């Protein structure tokens, strides 16, 4: 694996973990999620953005693993 691949792998892991933590913290304790609650919760939106960024980062890692 190249240095570029290792850096993107680390970024992917950090973004994935950050997204999971933000989504956990942004989920209401009542357990009822509505579209309004999801779109107005900054932590849920940030968590989703982190997940999307981790997916794009993972796509950069895959070619480096060959």
Protein backbone atom coordinates (compact mmCIF):
# COMPACT_ATOMS: atom_id res chain seq x y z
CA UNK A 1 0.00 0.00 0.00
CA UNK A 2 1.24 3.44 -0.85
CA UNK A 3 1.44 6.38 1.53
CA UNK A 4 -1.52 7.96 -0.27
CA UNK A 5 -3.57 4.82 0.33
CA UNK A 6 -2.63 4.72 4.01
CA UNK A 7 -3.59 8.37 4.48
CA UNK A 8 -6.96 7.85 2.77
CA UNK A 9 -7.54 4.71 4.84
CA UNK A 10 -6.94 6.69 8.04
CA UNK A 11 -9.22 9.48 6.83
CA UNK A 12 -11.92 6.92 5.97
CA UNK A 13 -11.76 5.38 9.44
CA UNK A 14 -11.88 8.76 11.17
CA UNK A 15 -14.82 9.96 9.08
CA UNK A 16 -16.75 6.73 9.65
CA UNK A 17 -16.25 6.81 13.42
CA UNK A 18 -17.07 10.53 13.56
CA UNK A 19 -20.24 9.97 11.56
CA UNK A 20 -21.38 7.17 13.86
CA UNK A 21 -20.75 9.22 16.99
CA UNK A 22 -22.52 12.29 15.61
CA UNK A 23 -25.51 10.25 14.50
CA UNK A 24 -25.71 8.57 17.91
CA UNK A 25 -25.56 11.90 19.73
CA UNK A 26 -28.06 13.50 17.34
CA UNK A 27 -30.69 10.79 17.67
CA UNK A 28 -33.49 11.80 20.04
CA UNK A 29 -33.88 9.73 23.21
CA UNK A 30 -37.57 9.17 22.50
CA UNK A 31 -36.64 6.93 19.59
CA UNK A 32 -39.16 8.52 17.23
CA UNK A 33 -37.51 9.90 14.13
CA UNK A 34 -39.42 12.00 11.67
CA UNK A 35 -38.15 13.66 8.50
CA UNK A 36 -38.42 17.02 10.24
CA UNK A 37 -36.31 15.84 13.20
CA UNK A 38 -33.65 14.39 10.92
CA UNK A 39 -33.34 17.44 8.70
CA UNK A 40 -33.27 19.90 11.60
CA UNK A 41 -30.74 18.05 13.76
CA UNK A 42 -27.27 19.44 13.05
CA UNK A 43 -25.57 16.32 14.44
CA UNK A 44 -27.58 13.96 12.25
CA UNK A 45 -26.89 16.04 9.15
CA UNK A 46 -23.17 16.28 10.01
CA UNK A 47 -23.07 12.53 10.63
CA UNK A 48 -24.60 11.86 7.22
CA UNK A 49 -22.08 14.19 5.59
CA UNK A 50 -19.24 12.33 7.33
CA UNK A 51 -20.60 9.03 6.05
CA UNK A 52 -20.79 10.39 2.50
CA UNK A 53 -17.23 11.72 2.77
CA UNK A 54 -16.00 8.39 4.14
CA UNK A 55 -17.55 6.61 1.17
CA UNK A 56 -15.74 8.92 -1.25
CA UNK A 57 -12.51 8.45 0.68
CA UNK A 58 -12.94 4.67 0.57
CA UNK A 59 -13.24 4.86 -3.20
CA UNK A 60 -9.76 6.43 -3.18
CA UNK A 61 -8.38 3.63 -0.99
CA UNK A 62 -9.59 0.73 -3.11
CA UNK A 63 -7.22 1.25 -6.07
CA UNK A 64 -4.28 1.48 -3.68
CA UNK A 65 -4.94 -2.00 -2.29
CA UNK A 66 -4.16 -3.85 -5.52
